[in-house]
C-alpha atoms as a PDB file:
ATOM      1  CA  MET A   1     -14.353   1.916  27.993  1.00  0.00           C
ATOM      2  CA  THR A   2     -10.747   1.435  28.969  1.00  0.00           C
ATOM      3  CA  GLN A   3      -8.173   4.139  28.391  1.00  0.00           C
ATOM      4  CA  ILE A   4      -6.727   2.266  25.439  1.00  0.00           C
ATOM      5  CA  ILE A   5     -10.147   2.099  23.771  1.00  0.00           C
ATOM      6  CA  GLU A   6     -10.554   5.824  24.290  1.00  0.00           C
ATOM      7  CA  GLN A   7      -7.235   6.299  22.520  1.00  0.00           C
ATOM      8  CA  ALA A   8      -8.767   4.489  19.549  1.00  0.00           C
ATOM      9  CA  ALA A   9     -11.617   6.980  19.195  1.00  0.00           C
ATOM     10  CA  ILE A  10     -12.389   8.360  15.749  1.00  0.00           C
ATOM     11  CA  PRO A  11     -10.737  11.771  15.257  1.00  0.00           C
ATOM     12  CA  ASP A  12     -13.067  14.660  16.007  1.00  0.00           C
ATOM     13  CA  SER A  13     -12.284  16.585  12.840  1.00  0.00           C
ATOM     14  CA  ARG A  14     -14.070  17.945   9.800  1.00  0.00           C
ATOM     15  CA  LEU A  15     -12.268  15.490   7.547  1.00  0.00           C
ATOM     16  CA  ALA A  16     -13.162  12.466   9.674  1.00  0.00           C
ATOM     17  CA  ARG A  17     -16.796  13.518   9.819  1.00  0.00           C
ATOM     18  CA  ALA A  18     -16.851  13.928   6.044  1.00  0.00           C
ATOM     19  CA  ILE A  19     -15.340  10.459   5.616  1.00  0.00           C
ATOM     20  CA  THR A  20     -17.924   8.929   7.951  1.00  0.00           C
ATOM     21  CA  GLU A  21     -20.802  10.571   6.120  1.00  0.00           C
ATOM     22  CA  TYR A  22     -19.493   9.585   2.701  1.00  0.00           C
ATOM     23  CA  ILE A  23     -18.838   5.952   3.553  1.00  0.00           C
ATOM     24  CA  ARG A  24     -22.098   5.560   5.462  1.00  0.00           C
ATOM     25  CA  ASP A  25     -23.981   6.865   2.408  1.00  0.00           C
ATOM     26  CA  THR A  26     -22.004   4.711  -0.026  1.00  0.00           C
ATOM     27  CA  GLU A  27     -21.373   1.325   1.558  1.00  0.00           C
ATOM     28  CA  THR A  28     -23.637  -1.362   2.957  1.00  0.00           C
ATOM     29  CA  GLU A  29     -24.027  -1.569   6.724  1.00  0.00           C
ATOM     30  CA  LEU A  30     -21.943  -4.754   6.634  1.00  0.00           C
ATOM     31  CA  LEU A  31     -18.972  -2.991   5.038  1.00  0.00           C
ATOM     32  CA  PHE A  32     -19.410   0.233   7.018  1.00  0.00           C
ATOM     33  CA  ASN A  33     -19.275  -1.607  10.337  1.00  0.00           C
ATOM     34  CA  HIS A  34     -16.426  -3.809   9.152  1.00  0.00           C
ATOM     35  CA  SER A  35     -14.412  -0.771   8.030  1.00  0.00           C
ATOM     36  CA  SER A  36     -15.086   0.970  11.335  1.00  0.00           C
ATOM     37  CA  ARG A  37     -13.805  -2.060  13.247  1.00  0.00           C
ATOM     38  CA  VAL A  38     -10.749  -2.144  10.987  1.00  0.00           C
ATOM     39  CA  TYR A  39      -9.949   1.403  12.084  1.00  0.00           C
ATOM     40  CA  HIS A  40     -10.338   0.662  15.790  1.00  0.00           C
ATOM     41  CA  PHE A  41      -8.364  -2.567  15.637  1.00  0.00           C
ATOM     42  CA  GLY A  42      -5.721  -0.801  13.563  1.00  0.00           C
ATOM     43  CA  VAL A  43      -5.381   1.992  16.114  1.00  0.00           C
ATOM     44  CA  LEU A  44      -5.162  -0.509  18.956  1.00  0.00           C
ATOM     45  CA  ALA A  45      -2.479  -2.427  17.060  1.00  0.00           C
ATOM     46  CA  GLY A  46      -0.551   0.814  16.665  1.00  0.00           C
ATOM     47  CA  VAL A  47      -0.849   1.567  20.379  1.00  0.00           C
ATOM     48  CA  HIS A  48       0.211  -1.967  21.281  1.00  0.00           C
ATOM     49  CA  ARG A  49       3.258  -1.666  19.010  1.00  0.00           C
ATOM     50  CA  GLY A  50       4.175   1.816  20.198  1.00  0.00           C
ATOM     51  CA  LEU A  51       3.877   3.325  16.719  1.00  0.00           C
ATOM     52  CA  LYS A  52       3.363   6.990  15.913  1.00  0.00           C
ATOM     53  CA  PHE A  53       0.776   7.554  13.203  1.00  0.00           C
ATOM     54  CA  ASP A  54      -1.782  10.010  11.893  1.00  0.00           C
ATOM     55  CA  ARG A  55      -5.226   8.860  13.015  1.00  0.00           C
ATOM     56  CA  GLU A  56      -7.021  10.834  10.292  1.00  0.00           C
ATOM     57  CA  LEU A  57      -5.032   9.089   7.577  1.00  0.00           C
ATOM     58  CA  LEU A  58      -5.551   5.711   9.214  1.00  0.00           C
ATOM     59  CA  TYR A  59      -9.270   6.436   9.429  1.00  0.00           C
ATOM     60  CA  ALA A  60      -9.365   7.319   5.739  1.00  0.00           C
ATOM     61  CA  GLY A  61      -7.523   4.127   4.807  1.00  0.00           C
ATOM     62  CA  ALA A  62      -9.691   1.919   6.975  1.00  0.00           C
ATOM     63  CA  MET A  63     -12.999   3.416   5.903  1.00  0.00           C
ATOM     64  CA  PHE A  64     -12.228   3.439   2.154  1.00  0.00           C
ATOM     65  CA  HIS A  65     -10.406   0.107   1.978  1.00  0.00           C
ATOM     66  CA  ASP A  66     -13.408  -1.879   0.701  1.00  0.00           C
ATOM     67  CA  ILE A  67     -15.278   0.795  -1.241  1.00  0.00           C
ATOM     68  CA  GLY A  68     -13.996  -0.765  -4.452  1.00  0.00           C
ATOM     69  CA  LEU A  69     -16.394  -3.653  -3.814  1.00  0.00           C
ATOM     70  CA  MET A  70     -19.350  -1.318  -4.311  1.00  0.00           C
ATOM     71  CA  PRO A  71     -20.781  -1.144  -7.859  1.00  0.00           C
ATOM     72  CA  SER A  72     -20.624   2.651  -7.731  1.00  0.00           C
ATOM     73  CA  HIS A  73     -16.849   2.555  -7.276  1.00  0.00           C
ATOM     74  CA  GLY A  74     -15.831  -0.665  -8.997  1.00  0.00           C
ATOM     75  CA  SER A  75     -14.142  -0.605 -12.384  1.00  0.00           C
ATOM     76  CA  GLN A  76     -14.263  -3.293 -15.050  1.00  0.00           C
ATOM     77  CA  HIS A  77     -10.599  -4.207 -15.094  1.00  0.00           C
ATOM     78  CA  GLU A  78      -8.766  -2.843 -12.012  1.00  0.00           C
ATOM     79  CA  ARG A  79      -8.337  -4.794  -8.785  1.00  0.00           C
ATOM     80  CA  PHE A  80     -10.956  -3.718  -6.251  1.00  0.00           C
ATOM     81  CA  GLU A  81      -8.151  -2.607  -3.954  1.00  0.00           C
ATOM     82  CA  VAL A  82      -6.937  -0.159  -6.593  1.00  0.00           C
ATOM     83  CA  ASP A  83     -10.469   1.093  -7.198  1.00  0.00           C
ATOM     84  CA  GLY A  84     -10.747   1.833  -3.487  1.00  0.00           C
ATOM     85  CA  ALA A  85      -7.318   3.453  -3.397  1.00  0.00           C
ATOM     86  CA  HIS A  86      -8.257   5.749  -6.283  1.00  0.00           C
ATOM     87  CA  ALA A  87     -11.538   6.710  -4.598  1.00  0.00           C
ATOM     88  CA  ALA A  88      -9.796   7.545  -1.331  1.00  0.00           C
ATOM     89  CA  ARG A  89      -7.076   9.622  -2.975  1.00  0.00           C
ATOM     90  CA  GLU A  90      -9.626  11.592  -4.997  1.00  0.00           C
ATOM     91  CA  PHE A  91     -11.717  12.214  -1.888  1.00  0.00           C
ATOM     92  CA  LEU A  92      -8.714  13.347   0.162  1.00  0.00           C
ATOM     93  CA  ARG A  93      -7.472  15.627  -2.599  1.00  0.00           C
ATOM     94  CA  SER A  94     -10.900  17.241  -2.773  1.00  0.00           C
ATOM     95  CA  HIS A  95     -10.625  18.004   0.951  1.00  0.00           C
ATOM     96  CA  GLY A  96      -7.216  19.642   0.682  1.00  0.00           C
ATOM     97  CA  VAL A  97      -5.114  16.763   1.993  1.00  0.00           C
ATOM     98  CA  PRO A  98      -1.480  17.005   0.778  1.00  0.00           C
ATOM     99  CA  GLU A  99      -0.581  14.687  -2.069  1.00  0.00           C
ATOM    100  CA  GLU A 100       2.027  12.834  -0.003  1.00  0.00           C
ATOM    101  CA  ASP A 101      -0.557  11.953   2.635  1.00  0.00           C
ATOM    102  CA  ALA A 102      -3.161  11.018   0.034  1.00  0.00           C
ATOM    103  CA  TYR A 103      -0.624   8.698  -1.581  1.00  0.00           C
ATOM    104  CA  THR A 104       0.099   7.057   1.779  1.00  0.00           C
ATOM    105  CA  VAL A 105      -3.602   6.247   2.093  1.00  0.00           C
ATOM    106  CA  TRP A 106      -3.655   5.067  -1.537  1.00  0.00           C
ATOM    107  CA  THR A 107      -0.804   2.675  -0.767  1.00  0.00           C
ATOM    108  CA  ALA A 108      -2.443   1.403   2.419  1.00  0.00           C
ATOM    109  CA  ILE A 109      -5.623   0.476   0.560  1.00  0.00           C
ATOM    110  CA  ALA A 110      -3.902  -0.912  -2.537  1.00  0.00           C
ATOM    111  CA  LEU A 111      -1.791  -3.290  -0.405  1.00  0.00           C
ATOM    112  CA  HIS A 112      -4.282  -4.350   2.241  1.00  0.00           C
ATOM    113  CA  THR A 113      -4.725  -7.820   0.710  1.00  0.00           C
ATOM    114  CA  THR A 114      -0.989  -8.323   0.128  1.00  0.00           C
ATOM    115  CA  PRO A 115       0.310 -10.097   3.251  1.00  0.00           C
ATOM    116  CA  GLY A 116       3.926  -9.886   4.281  1.00  0.00           C
ATOM    117  CA  VAL A 117       4.598  -6.417   2.852  1.00  0.00           C
ATOM    118  CA  PRO A 118       2.564  -3.698   4.636  1.00  0.00           C
ATOM    119  CA  GLN A 119       4.046  -4.344   8.095  1.00  0.00           C
ATOM    120  CA  HIS A 120       7.414  -3.157   6.795  1.00  0.00           C
ATOM    121  CA  MET A 121       6.038   0.117   5.458  1.00  0.00           C
ATOM    122  CA  HIS A 122       4.624   3.426   6.734  1.00  0.00           C
ATOM    123  CA  PRO A 123       2.617   2.927   9.964  1.00  0.00           C
ATOM    124  CA  VAL A 124      -0.652   3.885   8.257  1.00  0.00           C
ATOM    125  CA  VAL A 125      -0.034   1.243   5.588  1.00  0.00           C
ATOM    126  CA  ALA A 126       0.872  -1.337   8.214  1.00  0.00           C
ATOM    127  CA  LEU A 127      -2.073  -0.584  10.478  1.00  0.00           C
ATOM    128  CA  VAL A 128      -4.799  -0.675   7.839  1.00  0.00           C
ATOM    129  CA  THR A 129      -3.676  -4.216   7.032  1.00  0.00           C
ATOM    130  CA  ALA A 130      -3.387  -5.045  10.740  1.00  0.00           C
ATOM    131  CA  GLY A 131      -6.999  -3.998  11.255  1.00  0.00           C
ATOM    132  CA  VAL A 132      -8.178  -6.016   8.273  1.00  0.00           C
ATOM    133  CA  GLU A 133      -6.257  -9.106   9.323  1.00  0.00           C
ATOM    134  CA  MET A 134      -7.769  -8.895  12.785  1.00  0.00           C
ATOM    135  CA  ASP A 135     -11.389  -8.284  11.827  1.00  0.00           C
ATOM    136  CA  VAL A 136     -11.608 -10.613   8.819  1.00  0.00           C
ATOM    137  CA  LEU A 137      -9.047 -13.310   9.560  1.00  0.00           C
ATOM    138  CA  GLY A 138      -8.583 -13.081  13.320  1.00  0.00           C
ATOM    139  CA  LEU A 139      -4.825 -13.553  12.846  1.00  0.00           C
ATOM    140  CA  THR A 140      -3.945 -11.442  15.880  1.00  0.00           C
ATOM    141  CA  TYR A 141      -7.038 -12.259  17.953  1.00  0.00           C
ATOM    142  CA  GLN A 142      -5.027 -13.065  21.085  1.00  0.00           C
ATOM    143  CA  GLU A 143      -3.142  -9.754  20.927  1.00  0.00           C
ATOM    144  CA  TYR A 144      -6.300  -7.879  21.938  1.00  0.00           C
ATOM    145  CA  SER A 145      -7.929  -8.157  25.334  1.00  0.00           C
ATOM    146  CA  ASN A 146     -11.483  -9.410  25.687  1.00  0.00           C
ATOM    147  CA  GLU A 147     -12.445  -5.903  26.766  1.00  0.00           C
ATOM    148  CA  GLU A 148     -10.917  -4.367  23.661  1.00  0.00           C
ATOM    149  CA  ARG A 149     -12.571  -6.809  21.279  1.00  0.00           C
ATOM    150  CA  GLU A 150     -15.945  -6.526  22.981  1.00  0.00           C
ATOM    151  CA  ALA A 151     -15.862  -2.717  23.029  1.00  0.00           C
ATOM    152  CA  VAL A 152     -15.156  -2.531  19.295  1.00  0.00           C
ATOM    153  CA  VAL A 153     -17.793  -5.097  18.359  1.00  0.00           C
ATOM    154  CA  ARG A 154     -20.342  -3.509  20.680  1.00  0.00           C
ATOM    155  CA  ALA A 155     -19.874  -0.175  18.907  1.00  0.00           C
ATOM    156  CA  TYR A 156     -19.892  -1.694  15.401  1.00  0.00           C
ATOM    157  CA  PRO A 157     -21.614  -5.105  15.535  1.00  0.00           C
ATOM    158  CA  ARG A 158     -20.681  -8.062  13.397  1.00  0.00           C
ATOM    159  CA  THR A 159     -23.595  -9.733  11.624  1.00  0.00           C
ATOM    160  CA  PRO A 160     -24.639 -13.138  13.033  1.00  0.00           C
ATOM    161  CA  HIS A 161     -22.970 -14.848  10.069  1.00  0.00           C
ATOM    162  CA  PHE A 162     -20.246 -12.303   9.386  1.00  0.00           C
ATOM    163  CA  LYS A 163     -17.723 -14.766   7.964  1.00  0.00           C
ATOM    164  CA  GLU A 164     -20.051 -15.933   5.212  1.00  0.00           C
ATOM    165  CA  ASP A 165     -21.447 -12.432   4.707  1.00  0.00           C
ATOM    166  CA  ILE A 166     -18.011 -10.885   4.120  1.00  0.00           C
ATOM    167  CA  ILE A 167     -16.994 -13.705   1.754  1.00  0.00           C
ATOM    168  CA  GLN A 168     -20.186 -13.079  -0.214  1.00  0.00           C
ATOM    169  CA  ALA A 169     -19.502  -9.326  -0.295  1.00  0.00           C
ATOM    170  CA  PHE A 170     -16.030 -10.004  -1.715  1.00  0.00           C
ATOM    171  CA  TYR A 171     -17.469 -12.341  -4.329  1.00  0.00           C
ATOM    172  CA  ASP A 172     -20.179  -9.916  -5.373  1.00  0.00           C
ATOM    173  CA  GLY A 173     -17.584  -7.163  -5.778  1.00  0.00           C
ATOM    174  CA  ILE A 174     -15.105  -9.107  -7.918  1.00  0.00           C
ATOM    175  CA  LYS A 175     -17.049 -11.842  -9.724  1.00  0.00           C
ATOM    176  CA  HIS A 176     -17.317  -9.769 -12.918  1.00  0.00           C
ATOM    177  CA  LYS A 177     -13.530  -9.399 -13.221  1.00  0.00           C
ATOM    178  CA  PRO A 178     -11.885 -12.679 -12.177  1.00  0.00           C
ATOM    179  CA  GLU A 179      -8.732 -11.814 -14.121  1.00  0.00           C
ATOM    180  CA  THR A 180      -7.876  -9.267 -11.402  1.00  0.00           C
ATOM    181  CA  THR A 181      -7.374 -12.073  -8.876  1.00  0.00           C
ATOM    182  CA  PHE A 182      -4.098 -13.127 -10.509  1.00  0.00           C
ATOM    183  CA  GLY A 183      -1.243 -12.327  -8.221  1.00  0.00           C
ATOM    184  CA  ASN A 184       0.645 -14.687  -5.940  1.00  0.00           C
ATOM    185  CA  VAL A 185       2.960 -16.204  -8.522  1.00  0.00           C
ATOM    186  CA  LYS A 186       5.040 -17.915  -5.816  1.00  0.00           C
ATOM    187  CA  ALA A 187       2.175 -20.239  -4.928  1.00  0.00           C
ATOM    188  CA  ASP A 188       1.641 -20.965  -8.634  1.00  0.00           C
ATOM    189  CA  VAL A 189       5.307 -21.919  -9.095  1.00  0.00           C
ATOM    190  CA  ILE A 190       5.361 -24.234  -6.069  1.00  0.00           C
ATOM    191  CA  ALA A 191       2.070 -25.841  -7.110  1.00  0.00           C
ATOM    192  CA  ASP A 192       3.511 -26.420 -10.597  1.00  0.00           C
ATOM    193  CA  LYS A 193       6.601 -28.192  -9.224  1.00  0.00           C
ATOM    194  CA  GLU A 194       5.084 -29.912  -6.188  1.00  0.00           C
ATOM    195  CA  PRO A 195       1.843 -31.740  -7.021  1.00  0.00           C
ATOM    196  CA  HIS A 196       1.012 -32.328  -3.338  1.00  0.00           C
ATOM    197  CA  PHE A 197       1.324 -28.649  -2.383  1.00  0.00           C
ATOM    198  CA  HIS A 198      -1.801 -27.164  -0.818  1.00  0.00           C
ATOM    199  CA  ARG A 199      -1.925 -23.386  -0.734  1.00  0.00           C
ATOM    200  CA  THR A 200      -3.566 -21.561   2.148  1.00  0.00           C
ATOM    201  CA  ASN A 201      -7.154 -20.700   1.311  1.00  0.00           C
ATOM    202  CA  PHE A 202      -8.373 -17.234   2.295  1.00  0.00           C
ATOM    203  CA  CYS A 203     -11.954 -18.346   2.865  1.00  0.00           C
ATOM    204  CA  SER A 204     -10.859 -21.331   4.962  1.00  0.00           C
ATOM    205  CA  VAL A 205      -8.799 -19.043   7.179  1.00  0.00           C
ATOM    206  CA  ILE A 206     -11.817 -16.771   7.687  1.00  0.00           C
ATOM    207  CA  ARG A 207     -14.071 -19.693   8.573  1.00  0.00           C
ATOM    208  CA  GLY A 208     -11.478 -21.159  10.910  1.00  0.00           C
ATOM    209  CA  SER A 209     -10.684 -17.946  12.773  1.00  0.00           C
ATOM    210  CA  ALA A 210     -11.231 -17.473  16.499  1.00  0.00           C
ATOM    211  CA  TRP A 211     -14.153 -15.157  15.834  1.00  0.00           C
ATOM    212  CA  HIS A 212     -17.646 -16.598  16.174  1.00  0.00           C
ATOM    213  CA  GLY A 213     -20.227 -16.083  13.428  1.00  0.00           C
END
């Protein structure tokens, strides 16, 4: 591993170990590995950008960010992001994490599918989204070296058909509450006034990313 990959190591702390154990026992292997890559890519993004951030809090945000897709943690009417944010905050509180820090993690998870906002916020909030955007969408693929990408994927492999697998996991987690997908009113307004407007499709971006599989 390069020095920069070593800097992205998971914190060797009681809290981090508890998070790993909890998420490994709760999520599918697909989501566990994805969340682990989100952490590593998030840390590397922070190093690249010269940001100062708490790795334990970033680890918590990355590992819990998709737990709301699991039936055991999904509500009937809340967005899955909020379900995950609630689960993370409750877990952190139970481990003595200060409320301010728990709320930072809550915010990072709640906003991780809201592009254009997190990068202007607390580094932990920004870097959870950065990790997600890299691993799922490949938006910053060229900002990581081949060695960095390969080291992360070697440690936490992507499935052979990861793009379709992660889309399916999203669908399975939200299909019972489609009303929670309402959100980007700006696209709705433009589409209403401009009949030829074509909004960017999340699934198309995933399928068209630089990642293979």
